[in-house]
Amino acid sequence: MVQAKSWILAKHFDGFPKDSDFKLKVEELPAPKNGEVLLEAVFLSVDPYMRPFSKLYMKEGDVMIGTQVAKVIQSQNSAFPVGSHVVSSCGWRTHTLSDGKDLTLLMADWPKDVPMSLAVGAIGMPGLTALYGVEAVLQAKKGETLLVNAAAGAVGTVVGQIAKIKGCKVVGSAGSDAKVAYLKELGFDEAFNYKTVSSLEEALKKAAPEGYDCFFENVGGQFSTFALQQMKEFGRIAVCGGISTYHDAAYQTGPYPLTTINWKQVKIEGFMQSRWQSDHPQGLKKLMGWYKEGKLKCREHVTKGFENMPAAFMGMLQGENIGKAIITV
C-alpha cells in the first residue's frame, strides 16, 4: 500500500481562486493489478487553462486537472517498465494507479542533460501550443510582424522564439519590467510593460508603426480591442486564451469591431493543441532540436512541495512566474 495525496476542487471558484476552494485528500493505494502501473509524481504543472476548464468540465469533489511527469514505481504493464518516466494527465496527485491508456512515455531519446520538467513545458503541451499556433494557425512568414501578449509566460516565451526562428519581427507585452527585460534577452525586437505604459494603444503603435501581420492572443479584454485596430490587411489572429477574463462572474460583451474585421479582412481562429494530436511526436522532436541548438531557451518558475500546489496555481494566475510554472515533489 502507498499513501497518495491529491488536491480536490472543494468548491467551484467564485472570482479569483482562494485557499478554501481546495482540499487535500489522503488515501491508500493498493499494488497495481494486471495491466496497471503505479506512478509517483516528479514534476507537476499549473497552467492558465485550468481556471476555465474547472468550470466547464469539473464538479466539486473532483481531483484538480493537470499534467505531470511521473516515474513508474510498480508495474504490471510491459509497456511501462519500472523506472521509466511518463507524461500523464492524472491531475494534482502524488501517486496514481493507471491502466496506461492516459500515459505517454517520455521521448525514448530524451537527452540526459535536458531537464525532464520541460516535458510539461517548452517541450510539452505549452511548447506544442506555441508551435501549432505560429506554424499552423498564423502561418507566420519571414519578414512579418508578430505580436504576442502574456509574452513572458510558458506559451508566450516559446511563441516569440519560434517567430524569431521563422524570421519575424516580434513584439511582446508583459506585466513587469523584469519580464520585459527577459523578453529582450530572448531576442524579442520590442517589448513593453502594459501595466506602466501611459497608453496601450500608443505602445502598440510605437512598437510596430507598420502594424501587425500576426497576433497570438493569450489575454483578451481591452488588449484585444486595441490590438485589432493595429492589424494589417489580411492579418491573422490565433486565439489561444483570454486570461484577463477567466475570473469574471459574467462573460464580457462588446465591443463588436466587425467593421474593422471586415474591412481589414482579418482572420480570427481559436485553437487548441489537441487538434494536432497525431503531429505531437514530430512537434516534440522539432522543439527538442531547437532547444539542443540553443535556439529555444527556457526559464522555469519552480515551487517546491506538493502541499504548495494551490499557492503555485494562484501565483501563476497573478503573473508571478517568468516562463513555465512547475511544482517539484
C-alpha atoms as a PDB file:
ATOM      1  CA  MET A   1       0.000   0.000   0.000  1.00  0.00           C
ATOM      2  CA  VAL A   2       1.182   3.507  -0.895  1.00  0.00           C
ATOM      3  CA  GLN A   3      -0.081   6.692   0.728  1.00  0.00           C
ATOM      4  CA  ALA A   4      -1.307   9.007  -2.023  1.00  0.00           C
ATOM      5  CA  LYS A   5      -2.176  12.679  -1.723  1.00  0.00           C
ATOM      6  CA  SER A   6      -4.375  14.668  -4.084  1.00  0.00           C
ATOM      7  CA  TRP A   7      -5.795  18.160  -4.253  1.00  0.00           C
ATOM      8  CA  ILE A   8      -9.580  18.285  -4.620  1.00  0.00           C
ATOM      9  CA  LEU A   9     -11.737  21.081  -6.010  1.00  0.00           C
ATOM     10  CA  ALA A  10     -13.733  21.592  -2.812  1.00  0.00           C
ATOM     11  CA  LYS A  11     -15.757  24.481  -4.227  1.00  0.00           C
ATOM     12  CA  HIS A  12     -16.065  25.974  -7.694  1.00  0.00           C
ATOM     13  CA  PHE A  13     -14.124  29.203  -7.999  1.00  0.00           C
ATOM     14  CA  ASP A  14     -16.120  32.372  -7.493  1.00  0.00           C
ATOM     15  CA  GLY A  15     -13.909  35.054  -8.972  1.00  0.00           C
ATOM     16  CA  PHE A  16     -10.236  34.579  -8.203  1.00  0.00           C
ATOM     17  CA  PRO A  17      -9.432  31.202  -6.557  1.00  0.00           C
ATOM     18  CA  LYS A  18      -8.784  31.092  -2.809  1.00  0.00           C
ATOM     19  CA  ASP A  19      -7.308  28.567  -0.392  1.00  0.00           C
ATOM     20  CA  SER A  20     -10.697  27.358   0.816  1.00  0.00           C
ATOM     21  CA  ASP A  21     -11.582  26.240  -2.730  1.00  0.00           C
ATOM     22  CA  PHE A  22      -9.079  23.386  -2.390  1.00  0.00           C
ATOM     23  CA  LYS A  23      -8.936  20.386  -0.076  1.00  0.00           C
ATOM     24  CA  LEU A  24      -6.069  17.931   0.440  1.00  0.00           C
ATOM     25  CA  LYS A  25      -7.140  14.283   0.323  1.00  0.00           C
ATOM     26  CA  VAL A  26      -5.054  11.350   1.573  1.00  0.00           C
ATOM     27  CA  GLU A  27      -5.745   7.730   0.645  1.00  0.00           C
ATOM     28  CA  GLU A  28      -4.034   4.347   0.450  1.00  0.00           C
ATOM     29  CA  LEU A  29      -3.454   2.855  -2.998  1.00  0.00           C
ATOM     30  CA  PRO A  30      -3.101  -0.915  -3.494  1.00  0.00           C
ATOM     31  CA  ALA A  31      -0.455  -2.589  -5.632  1.00  0.00           C
ATOM     32  CA  PRO A  32      -1.207  -2.492  -9.368  1.00  0.00           C
ATOM     33  CA  LYS A  33      -3.216  -5.327 -10.908  1.00  0.00           C
ATOM     34  CA  ASN A  34      -2.503  -6.948 -14.261  1.00  0.00           C
ATOM     35  CA  GLY A  35      -2.145  -4.229 -16.910  1.00  0.00           C
ATOM     36  CA  GLU A  36      -1.796  -1.448 -14.351  1.00  0.00           C
ATOM     37  CA  VAL A  37       1.097   0.734 -13.191  1.00  0.00           C
ATOM     38  CA  LEU A  38       1.704   2.795 -10.078  1.00  0.00           C
ATOM     39  CA  LEU A  39       3.067   6.264 -10.737  1.00  0.00           C
ATOM     40  CA  GLU A  40       4.900   8.700  -8.490  1.00  0.00           C
ATOM     41  CA  ALA A  41       4.798  12.365  -9.488  1.00  0.00           C
ATOM     42  CA  VAL A  42       8.137  14.094 -10.108  1.00  0.00           C
ATOM     43  CA  PHE A  43       7.102  17.396 -11.721  1.00  0.00           C
ATOM     44  CA  LEU A  44       3.577  18.824 -11.778  1.00  0.00           C
ATOM     45  CA  SER A  45       2.252  21.616 -13.953  1.00  0.00           C
ATOM     46  CA  VAL A  46      -0.058  24.533 -13.251  1.00  0.00           C
ATOM     47  CA  ASP A  47      -1.452  26.330 -16.300  1.00  0.00           C
ATOM     48  CA  PRO A  48      -3.988  29.096 -17.020  1.00  0.00           C
ATOM     49  CA  TYR A  49      -6.396  26.732 -18.836  1.00  0.00           C
ATOM     50  CA  MET A  50      -7.162  25.002 -15.537  1.00  0.00           C
ATOM     51  CA  ARG A  51      -9.217  28.000 -14.396  1.00  0.00           C
ATOM     52  CA  PRO A  52     -11.873  27.963 -17.189  1.00  0.00           C
ATOM     53  CA  PHE A  53     -11.686  24.168 -17.645  1.00  0.00           C
ATOM     54  CA  SER A  54     -12.571  23.617 -13.994  1.00  0.00           C
ATOM     55  CA  LYS A  55     -15.837  25.462 -14.527  1.00  0.00           C
ATOM     56  CA  LEU A  56     -16.677  23.652 -17.743  1.00  0.00           C
ATOM     57  CA  TYR A  57     -15.550  20.093 -17.061  1.00  0.00           C
ATOM     58  CA  MET A  58     -15.219  19.560 -13.315  1.00  0.00           C
ATOM     59  CA  LYS A  59     -17.605  19.101 -10.434  1.00  0.00           C
ATOM     60  CA  GLU A  60     -16.935  19.792  -6.783  1.00  0.00           C
ATOM     61  CA  GLY A  61     -15.061  16.871  -5.241  1.00  0.00           C
ATOM     62  CA  ASP A  62     -13.041  16.083  -8.389  1.00  0.00           C
ATOM     63  CA  VAL A  63      -9.257  15.964  -8.341  1.00  0.00           C
ATOM     64  CA  MET A  64      -7.828  19.144  -9.894  1.00  0.00           C
ATOM     65  CA  ILE A  65      -6.991  18.598 -13.549  1.00  0.00           C
ATOM     66  CA  GLY A  66      -3.460  18.858 -14.875  1.00  0.00           C
ATOM     67  CA  THR A  67      -0.428  17.111 -16.292  1.00  0.00           C
ATOM     68  CA  GLN A  68       2.688  15.780 -14.635  1.00  0.00           C
ATOM     69  CA  VAL A  69       5.922  13.957 -15.302  1.00  0.00           C
ATOM     70  CA  ALA A  70       5.793  10.775 -13.251  1.00  0.00           C
ATOM     71  CA  LYS A  71       8.047   7.806 -12.559  1.00  0.00           C
ATOM     72  CA  VAL A  72       6.755   4.239 -12.799  1.00  0.00           C
ATOM     73  CA  ILE A  73       7.497   2.709  -9.376  1.00  0.00           C
ATOM     74  CA  GLN A  74       5.467  -0.504  -9.744  1.00  0.00           C
ATOM     75  CA  SER A  75       4.305  -2.122 -12.970  1.00  0.00           C
ATOM     76  CA  GLN A  76       2.152  -4.955 -14.215  1.00  0.00           C
ATOM     77  CA  ASN A  77       2.214  -3.498 -17.733  1.00  0.00           C
ATOM     78  CA  SER A  78       5.142  -4.365 -20.022  1.00  0.00           C
ATOM     79  CA  ALA A  79       4.719  -1.137 -21.991  1.00  0.00           C
ATOM     80  CA  PHE A  80       5.697   0.869 -18.903  1.00  0.00           C
ATOM     81  CA  PRO A  81       8.601  -0.782 -17.066  1.00  0.00           C
ATOM     82  CA  VAL A  82       9.629   0.207 -13.550  1.00  0.00           C
ATOM     83  CA  GLY A  83      11.935   3.215 -13.668  1.00  0.00           C
ATOM     84  CA  SER A  84      10.526   4.653 -16.880  1.00  0.00           C
ATOM     85  CA  HIS A  85       9.062   8.156 -16.960  1.00  0.00           C
ATOM     86  CA  VAL A  86       5.748   9.189 -18.445  1.00  0.00           C
ATOM     87  CA  VAL A  87       3.659  12.291 -19.050  1.00  0.00           C
ATOM     88  CA  SER A  88       0.237  11.836 -17.520  1.00  0.00           C
ATOM     89  CA  SER A  89      -2.953  13.893 -17.325  1.00  0.00           C
ATOM     90  CA  CYS A  90      -3.903  12.403 -13.953  1.00  0.00           C
ATOM     91  CA  GLY A  91      -4.123  15.786 -12.218  1.00  0.00           C
ATOM     92  CA  TRP A  92      -2.846  17.046  -8.892  1.00  0.00           C
ATOM     93  CA  ARG A  93      -1.792  13.707  -7.348  1.00  0.00           C
ATOM     94  CA  THR A  94       1.407  12.433  -5.751  1.00  0.00           C
ATOM     95  CA  HIS A  95       0.652   8.821  -6.751  1.00  0.00           C
ATOM     96  CA  THR A  96      -1.692   7.331  -9.327  1.00  0.00           C
ATOM     97  CA  LEU A  97      -2.861   3.874 -10.346  1.00  0.00           C
ATOM     98  CA  SER A  98      -3.225   3.787 -14.130  1.00  0.00           C
ATOM     99  CA  ASP A  99      -4.175   1.259 -16.769  1.00  0.00           C
ATOM    100  CA  GLY A 100      -1.742   3.010 -19.121  1.00  0.00           C
ATOM    101  CA  LYS A 101      -4.336   4.429 -21.503  1.00  0.00           C
ATOM    102  CA  ASP A 102      -3.722   8.030 -20.466  1.00  0.00           C
ATOM    103  CA  LEU A 103       0.074   7.748 -20.363  1.00  0.00           C
ATOM    104  CA  THR A 104       2.725   8.873 -22.845  1.00  0.00           C
ATOM    105  CA  LEU A 105       6.246   7.583 -22.423  1.00  0.00           C
ATOM    106  CA  LEU A 106       8.847  10.305 -22.314  1.00  0.00           C
ATOM    107  CA  MET A 107      10.637  10.551 -25.666  1.00  0.00           C
ATOM    108  CA  ALA A 108      12.842   7.458 -25.928  1.00  0.00           C
ATOM    109  CA  ASP A 109      15.870   9.556 -26.851  1.00  0.00           C
ATOM    110  CA  TRP A 110      15.294  12.264 -24.222  1.00  0.00           C
ATOM    111  CA  PRO A 111      18.822  13.624 -23.588  1.00  0.00           C
ATOM    112  CA  LYS A 112      20.189  13.199 -20.068  1.00  0.00           C
ATOM    113  CA  ASP A 113      21.313  16.839 -19.993  1.00  0.00           C
ATOM    114  CA  VAL A 114      17.803  18.175 -20.683  1.00  0.00           C
ATOM    115  CA  PRO A 115      15.575  18.614 -17.593  1.00  0.00           C
ATOM    116  CA  MET A 116      12.587  16.250 -17.676  1.00  0.00           C
ATOM    117  CA  SER A 117      10.438  19.077 -16.323  1.00  0.00           C
ATOM    118  CA  LEU A 118      10.458  20.544 -19.840  1.00  0.00           C
ATOM    119  CA  ALA A 119       8.102  17.711 -20.824  1.00  0.00           C
ATOM    120  CA  VAL A 120       5.304  19.736 -19.206  1.00  0.00           C
ATOM    121  CA  GLY A 121       6.752  22.990 -20.519  1.00  0.00           C
ATOM    122  CA  ALA A 122       8.585  24.108 -23.645  1.00  0.00           C
ATOM    123  CA  ILE A 123       8.975  20.522 -24.890  1.00  0.00           C
ATOM    124  CA  GLY A 124       5.452  19.579 -23.887  1.00  0.00           C
ATOM    125  CA  MET A 125       1.915  20.923 -24.115  1.00  0.00           C
ATOM    126  CA  PRO A 126       2.794  24.655 -23.821  1.00  0.00           C
ATOM    127  CA  GLY A 127       5.537  24.323 -26.438  1.00  0.00           C
ATOM    128  CA  LEU A 128       3.250  22.441 -28.810  1.00  0.00           C
ATOM    129  CA  THR A 129       0.572  25.096 -28.313  1.00  0.00           C
ATOM    130  CA  ALA A 130       3.061  27.768 -29.349  1.00  0.00           C
ATOM    131  CA  LEU A 131       4.330  25.714 -32.281  1.00  0.00           C
ATOM    132  CA  TYR A 132       0.918  24.969 -33.793  1.00  0.00           C
ATOM    133  CA  GLY A 133      -0.293  28.499 -33.158  1.00  0.00           C
ATOM    134  CA  VAL A 134       2.642  30.063 -35.005  1.00  0.00           C
ATOM    135  CA  GLU A 135       3.026  27.496 -37.784  1.00  0.00           C
ATOM    136  CA  ALA A 136      -0.443  26.070 -38.459  1.00  0.00           C
ATOM    137  CA  VAL A 137      -2.830  28.852 -37.405  1.00  0.00           C
ATOM    138  CA  LEU A 138      -0.893  32.070 -38.022  1.00  0.00           C
ATOM    139  CA  GLN A 139       1.371  30.595 -40.699  1.00  0.00           C
ATOM    140  CA  ALA A 140       3.927  33.269 -39.800  1.00  0.00           C
ATOM    141  CA  LYS A 141       6.398  34.072 -42.541  1.00  0.00           C
ATOM    142  CA  LYS A 142       9.823  35.676 -42.729  1.00  0.00           C
ATOM    143  CA  GLY A 143       9.602  39.461 -42.682  1.00  0.00           C
ATOM    144  CA  GLU A 144       6.194  39.588 -40.986  1.00  0.00           C
ATOM    145  CA  THR A 145       5.488  41.257 -37.643  1.00  0.00           C
ATOM    146  CA  LEU A 146       4.047  39.141 -34.841  1.00  0.00           C
ATOM    147  CA  LEU A 147       2.522  40.364 -31.579  1.00  0.00           C
ATOM    148  CA  VAL A 148       2.124  38.146 -28.513  1.00  0.00           C
ATOM    149  CA  ASN A 149       0.695  39.122 -25.137  1.00  0.00           C
ATOM    150  CA  ALA A 150       1.343  37.345 -21.827  1.00  0.00           C
ATOM    151  CA  ALA A 151       4.666  37.030 -23.622  1.00  0.00           C
ATOM    152  CA  ALA A 152       6.739  36.046 -20.574  1.00  0.00           C
ATOM    153  CA  GLY A 153       4.597  33.016 -19.734  1.00  0.00           C
ATOM    154  CA  ALA A 154       5.060  29.357 -20.607  1.00  0.00           C
ATOM    155  CA  VAL A 155       3.462  29.690 -24.055  1.00  0.00           C
ATOM    156  CA  GLY A 156       4.341  33.287 -24.875  1.00  0.00           C
ATOM    157  CA  THR A 157       8.098  32.862 -24.437  1.00  0.00           C
ATOM    158  CA  VAL A 158       8.089  29.954 -26.882  1.00  0.00           C
ATOM    159  CA  VAL A 159       5.833  31.792 -29.363  1.00  0.00           C
ATOM    160  CA  GLY A 160       8.252  34.688 -29.581  1.00  0.00           C
ATOM    161  CA  GLN A 161      11.312  32.475 -30.022  1.00  0.00           C
ATOM    162  CA  ILE A 162       9.674  30.347 -32.729  1.00  0.00           C
ATOM    163  CA  ALA A 163       8.627  33.505 -34.556  1.00  0.00           C
ATOM    164  CA  LYS A 164      12.226  34.745 -34.436  1.00  0.00           C
ATOM    165  CA  ILE A 165      13.398  31.391 -35.825  1.00  0.00           C
ATOM    166  CA  LYS A 166      10.925  31.982 -38.682  1.00  0.00           C
ATOM    167  CA  GLY A 167      12.474  35.388 -39.373  1.00  0.00           C
ATOM    168  CA  CYS A 168       9.664  37.554 -37.970  1.00  0.00           C
ATOM    169  CA  LYS A 169       9.834  40.839 -36.139  1.00  0.00           C
ATOM    170  CA  VAL A 170       8.443  40.036 -32.668  1.00  0.00           C
ATOM    171  CA  VAL A 171       6.683  42.358 -30.238  1.00  0.00           C
ATOM    172  CA  GLY A 172       5.807  41.154 -26.736  1.00  0.00           C
ATOM    173  CA  SER A 173       3.669  42.556 -23.963  1.00  0.00           C
ATOM    174  CA  ALA A 174       4.204  41.546 -20.321  1.00  0.00           C
ATOM    175  CA  GLY A 175       3.277  42.723 -16.836  1.00  0.00           C
ATOM    176  CA  SER A 176       6.568  43.729 -15.210  1.00  0.00           C
ATOM    177  CA  ASP A 177       9.871  45.350 -16.067  1.00  0.00           C
ATOM    178  CA  ALA A 178      11.697  42.130 -15.135  1.00  0.00           C
ATOM    179  CA  LYS A 179       9.591  40.224 -17.651  1.00  0.00           C
ATOM    180  CA  VAL A 180      10.247  42.828 -20.333  1.00  0.00           C
ATOM    181  CA  ALA A 181      13.990  42.518 -19.681  1.00  0.00           C
ATOM    182  CA  TYR A 182      13.735  38.730 -20.051  1.00  0.00           C
ATOM    183  CA  LEU A 183      11.912  39.074 -23.369  1.00  0.00           C
ATOM    184  CA  LYS A 184      14.770  41.243 -24.606  1.00  0.00           C
ATOM    185  CA  GLU A 185      17.208  38.517 -23.513  1.00  0.00           C
ATOM    186  CA  LEU A 186      15.236  36.040 -25.630  1.00  0.00           C
ATOM    187  CA  GLY A 187      15.623  38.225 -28.707  1.00  0.00           C
ATOM    188  CA  PHE A 188      12.246  39.962 -28.890  1.00  0.00           C
ATOM    189  CA  ASP A 189      12.612  43.039 -31.095  1.00  0.00           C
ATOM    190  CA  GLU A 190      10.263  45.135 -28.970  1.00  0.00           C
ATOM    191  CA  ALA A 191       8.705  44.564 -25.553  1.00  0.00           C
ATOM    192  CA  PHE A 192       6.722  46.740 -23.176  1.00  0.00           C
ATOM    193  CA  ASN A 193       5.102  46.616 -19.732  1.00  0.00           C
ATOM    194  CA  TYR A 194       1.392  47.009 -20.341  1.00  0.00           C
ATOM    195  CA  LYS A 195       0.850  47.986 -16.691  1.00  0.00           C
ATOM    196  CA  THR A 196       3.068  51.063 -16.830  1.00  0.00           C
ATOM    197  CA  VAL A 197       2.612  52.462 -20.351  1.00  0.00           C
ATOM    198  CA  SER A 198       0.510  55.612 -20.431  1.00  0.00           C
ATOM    199  CA  SER A 199      -1.468  54.353 -23.424  1.00  0.00           C
ATOM    200  CA  LEU A 200      -1.726  50.741 -24.567  1.00  0.00           C
ATOM    201  CA  GLU A 201      -2.844  51.925 -27.989  1.00  0.00           C
ATOM    202  CA  GLU A 202       0.207  54.166 -28.379  1.00  0.00           C
ATOM    203  CA  ALA A 203       2.549  51.453 -27.073  1.00  0.00           C
ATOM    204  CA  LEU A 204       1.296  49.056 -29.735  1.00  0.00           C
ATOM    205  CA  LYS A 205       1.699  51.711 -32.449  1.00  0.00           C
ATOM    206  CA  LYS A 206       5.192  52.661 -31.293  1.00  0.00           C
ATOM    207  CA  ALA A 207       6.388  49.040 -31.176  1.00  0.00           C
ATOM    208  CA  ALA A 208       5.246  48.408 -34.758  1.00  0.00           C
ATOM    209  CA  PRO A 209       4.213  51.570 -36.630  1.00  0.00           C
ATOM    210  CA  GLU A 210       3.657  49.456 -39.731  1.00  0.00           C
ATOM    211  CA  GLY A 211       1.069  47.289 -37.924  1.00  0.00           C
ATOM    212  CA  TYR A 212       0.878  43.559 -37.216  1.00  0.00           C
ATOM    213  CA  ASP A 213       0.548  40.633 -39.592  1.00  0.00           C
ATOM    214  CA  CYS A 214       0.076  38.088 -36.791  1.00  0.00           C
ATOM    215  CA  PHE A 215      -1.305  38.295 -33.260  1.00  0.00           C
ATOM    216  CA  PHE A 216      -1.016  35.397 -30.811  1.00  0.00           C
ATOM    217  CA  GLU A 217      -3.772  36.148 -28.300  1.00  0.00           C
ATOM    218  CA  ASN A 218      -3.479  34.956 -24.685  1.00  0.00           C
ATOM    219  CA  VAL A 219      -5.184  37.752 -22.752  1.00  0.00           C
ATOM    220  CA  GLY A 220      -8.457  39.022 -24.230  1.00  0.00           C
ATOM    221  CA  GLY A 221     -10.367  42.018 -22.930  1.00  0.00           C
ATOM    222  CA  GLN A 222      -9.210  45.560 -23.648  1.00  0.00           C
ATOM    223  CA  PHE A 223      -5.889  44.412 -25.089  1.00  0.00           C
ATOM    224  CA  SER A 224      -7.698  42.600 -27.903  1.00  0.00           C
ATOM    225  CA  THR A 225      -9.720  45.677 -28.747  1.00  0.00           C
ATOM    226  CA  PHE A 226      -6.625  47.842 -29.210  1.00  0.00           C
ATOM    227  CA  ALA A 227      -4.583  45.147 -30.944  1.00  0.00           C
ATOM    228  CA  LEU A 228      -7.273  44.516 -33.523  1.00  0.00           C
ATOM    229  CA  GLN A 229      -7.107  48.137 -34.623  1.00  0.00           C
ATOM    230  CA  GLN A 230      -3.377  47.710 -35.342  1.00  0.00           C
ATOM    231  CA  MET A 231      -3.726  44.623 -37.530  1.00  0.00           C
ATOM    232  CA  LYS A 232      -2.663  44.882 -41.151  1.00  0.00           C
ATOM    233  CA  GLU A 233      -4.939  43.963 -44.036  1.00  0.00           C
ATOM    234  CA  PHE A 234      -5.292  40.151 -44.210  1.00  0.00           C
ATOM    235  CA  GLY A 235      -3.865  39.893 -40.685  1.00  0.00           C
ATOM    236  CA  ARG A 236      -4.256  36.640 -38.730  1.00  0.00           C
ATOM    237  CA  ILE A 237      -5.150  36.252 -35.062  1.00  0.00           C
ATOM    238  CA  ALA A 238      -4.665  32.966 -33.191  1.00  0.00           C
ATOM    239  CA  VAL A 239      -6.824  32.872 -30.055  1.00  0.00           C
ATOM    240  CA  CYS A 240      -5.084  30.665 -27.503  1.00  0.00           C
ATOM    241  CA  GLY A 241      -6.671  32.060 -24.340  1.00  0.00           C
ATOM    242  CA  GLY A 242      -8.146  35.041 -22.543  1.00  0.00           C
ATOM    243  CA  ILE A 243      -6.664  35.071 -19.058  1.00  0.00           C
ATOM    244  CA  SER A 244      -7.908  38.596 -18.296  1.00  0.00           C
ATOM    245  CA  THR A 245     -11.487  37.291 -18.405  1.00  0.00           C
ATOM    246  CA  TYR A 246     -11.137  33.967 -16.560  1.00  0.00           C
ATOM    247  CA  HIS A 247     -12.279  35.310 -13.184  1.00  0.00           C
ATOM    248  CA  ASP A 248     -15.270  37.311 -14.443  1.00  0.00           C
ATOM    249  CA  ALA A 249     -18.621  36.376 -12.922  1.00  0.00           C
ATOM    250  CA  ALA A 250     -20.324  37.043 -16.264  1.00  0.00           C
ATOM    251  CA  TYR A 251     -18.970  36.837 -19.798  1.00  0.00           C
ATOM    252  CA  GLN A 252     -17.750  40.132 -21.209  1.00  0.00           C
ATOM    253  CA  THR A 253     -19.788  41.574 -24.049  1.00  0.00           C
ATOM    254  CA  GLY A 254     -18.650  44.015 -26.715  1.00  0.00           C
ATOM    255  CA  PRO A 255     -17.241  45.982 -28.287  1.00  0.00           C
ATOM    256  CA  TYR A 256     -18.012  44.235 -31.559  1.00  0.00           C
ATOM    257  CA  PRO A 257     -15.443  45.545 -34.089  1.00  0.00           C
ATOM    258  CA  LEU A 258     -16.971  43.718 -37.042  1.00  0.00           C
ATOM    259  CA  THR A 259     -16.374  46.602 -39.417  1.00  0.00           C
ATOM    260  CA  THR A 260     -12.641  46.542 -38.654  1.00  0.00           C
ATOM    261  CA  ILE A 261     -12.518  42.759 -39.134  1.00  0.00           C
ATOM    262  CA  ASN A 262     -14.458  43.083 -42.373  1.00  0.00           C
ATOM    263  CA  TRP A 263     -12.594  45.979 -43.959  1.00  0.00           C
ATOM    264  CA  LYS A 264      -9.161  44.673 -42.988  1.00  0.00           C
ATOM    265  CA  GLN A 265     -10.209  41.125 -43.923  1.00  0.00           C
ATOM    266  CA  VAL A 266      -8.704  39.826 -40.684  1.00  0.00           C
ATOM    267  CA  LYS A 267      -8.872  36.108 -39.936  1.00  0.00           C
ATOM    268  CA  ILE A 268      -9.509  35.138 -36.289  1.00  0.00           C
ATOM    269  CA  GLU A 269      -9.190  31.490 -35.282  1.00  0.00           C
ATOM    270  CA  GLY A 270      -9.474  29.805 -31.901  1.00  0.00           C
ATOM    271  CA  PHE A 271      -7.420  26.666 -31.413  1.00  0.00           C
ATOM    272  CA  MET A 272      -6.201  24.012 -29.000  1.00  0.00           C
ATOM    273  CA  GLN A 273      -3.089  21.896 -29.410  1.00  0.00           C
ATOM    274  CA  SER A 274      -5.104  18.678 -29.186  1.00  0.00           C
ATOM    275  CA  ARG A 275      -6.298  19.286 -32.773  1.00  0.00           C
ATOM    276  CA  TRP A 276      -2.876  18.157 -33.986  1.00  0.00           C
ATOM    277  CA  GLN A 277      -2.558  15.149 -31.648  1.00  0.00           C
ATOM    278  CA  SER A 278      -1.135  12.944 -34.399  1.00  0.00           C
ATOM    279  CA  ASP A 279       1.604  15.511 -35.050  1.00  0.00           C
ATOM    280  CA  HIS A 280       2.823  15.625 -31.446  1.00  0.00           C
ATOM    281  CA  PRO A 281       5.819  13.270 -31.866  1.00  0.00           C
ATOM    282  CA  GLN A 282       7.254  15.318 -34.719  1.00  0.00           C
ATOM    283  CA  GLY A 283       6.416  18.573 -32.978  1.00  0.00           C
ATOM    284  CA  LEU A 284       8.238  17.495 -29.826  1.00  0.00           C
ATOM    285  CA  LYS A 285      11.283  16.459 -31.861  1.00  0.00           C
ATOM    286  CA  LYS A 286      11.316  19.877 -33.532  1.00  0.00           C
ATOM    287  CA  LEU A 287      11.135  21.676 -30.171  1.00  0.00           C
ATOM    288  CA  MET A 288      13.852  19.443 -28.692  1.00  0.00           C
ATOM    289  CA  GLY A 289      16.047  20.127 -31.723  1.00  0.00           C
ATOM    290  CA  TRP A 290      15.742  23.890 -31.290  1.00  0.00           C
ATOM    291  CA  TYR A 291      16.482  23.533 -27.584  1.00  0.00           C
ATOM    292  CA  LYS A 292      19.617  21.487 -28.223  1.00  0.00           C
ATOM    293  CA  GLU A 293      20.744  24.005 -30.868  1.00  0.00           C
ATOM    294  CA  GLY A 294      20.353  26.865 -28.387  1.00  0.00           C
ATOM    295  CA  LYS A 295      17.580  28.494 -30.406  1.00  0.00           C
ATOM    296  CA  LEU A 296      14.925  27.792 -27.765  1.00  0.00           C
ATOM    297  CA  LYS A 297      15.676  28.968 -24.239  1.00  0.00           C
ATOM    298  CA  CYS A 298      13.552  28.022 -21.248  1.00  0.00           C
ATOM    299  CA  ARG A 299      13.106  29.521 -17.811  1.00  0.00           C
ATOM    300  CA  GLU A 300      11.143  27.775 -15.082  1.00  0.00           C
ATOM    301  CA  HIS A 301       9.427  29.180 -12.009  1.00  0.00           C
ATOM    302  CA  VAL A 302       9.801  26.328  -9.516  1.00  0.00           C
ATOM    303  CA  THR A 303       7.694  25.781  -6.399  1.00  0.00           C
ATOM    304  CA  LYS A 304       8.870  23.050  -4.051  1.00  0.00           C
ATOM    305  CA  GLY A 305       6.397  20.806  -2.264  1.00  0.00           C
ATOM    306  CA  PHE A 306       3.125  19.188  -3.292  1.00  0.00           C
ATOM    307  CA  GLU A 307       1.414  20.950  -0.395  1.00  0.00           C
ATOM    308  CA  ASN A 308       2.061  24.268  -2.159  1.00  0.00           C
ATOM    309  CA  MET A 309       0.191  23.464  -5.371  1.00  0.00           C
ATOM    310  CA  PRO A 310      -2.786  25.781  -4.715  1.00  0.00           C
ATOM    311  CA  ALA A 311      -0.412  28.648  -3.915  1.00  0.00           C
ATOM    312  CA  ALA A 312       1.594  27.933  -7.071  1.00  0.00           C
ATOM    313  CA  PHE A 313      -1.603  27.874  -9.136  1.00  0.00           C
ATOM    314  CA  MET A 314      -2.862  31.171  -7.742  1.00  0.00           C
ATOM    315  CA  GLY A 315       0.566  32.759  -8.090  1.00  0.00           C
ATOM    316  CA  MET A 316       0.707  31.738 -11.750  1.00  0.00           C
ATOM    317  CA  LEU A 317      -2.721  33.270 -12.367  1.00  0.00           C
ATOM    318  CA  GLN A 318      -1.449  36.505 -10.791  1.00  0.00           C
ATOM    319  CA  GLY A 319       1.569  36.509 -13.103  1.00  0.00           C
ATOM    320  CA  GLU A 320       4.250  35.750 -10.512  1.00  0.00           C
ATOM    321  CA  ASN A 321       6.084  33.413 -12.891  1.00  0.00           C
ATOM    322  CA  ILE A 322       8.528  34.120 -15.683  1.00  0.00           C
ATOM    323  CA  GLY A 323       8.418  31.135 -18.014  1.00  0.00           C
ATOM    324  CA  LYS A 324       6.814  27.835 -17.013  1.00  0.00           C
ATOM    325  CA  ALA A 325       5.368  27.353 -13.527  1.00  0.00           C
ATOM    326  CA  ILE A 326       6.105  23.881 -12.183  1.00  0.00           C
ATOM    327  CA  ILE A 327       5.984  22.097  -8.838  1.00  0.00           C
ATOM    328  CA  THR A 328       8.587  19.623  -7.657  1.00  0.00           C
ATOM    329  CA  VAL A 329       7.521  16.898  -5.243  1.00  0.00           C
END
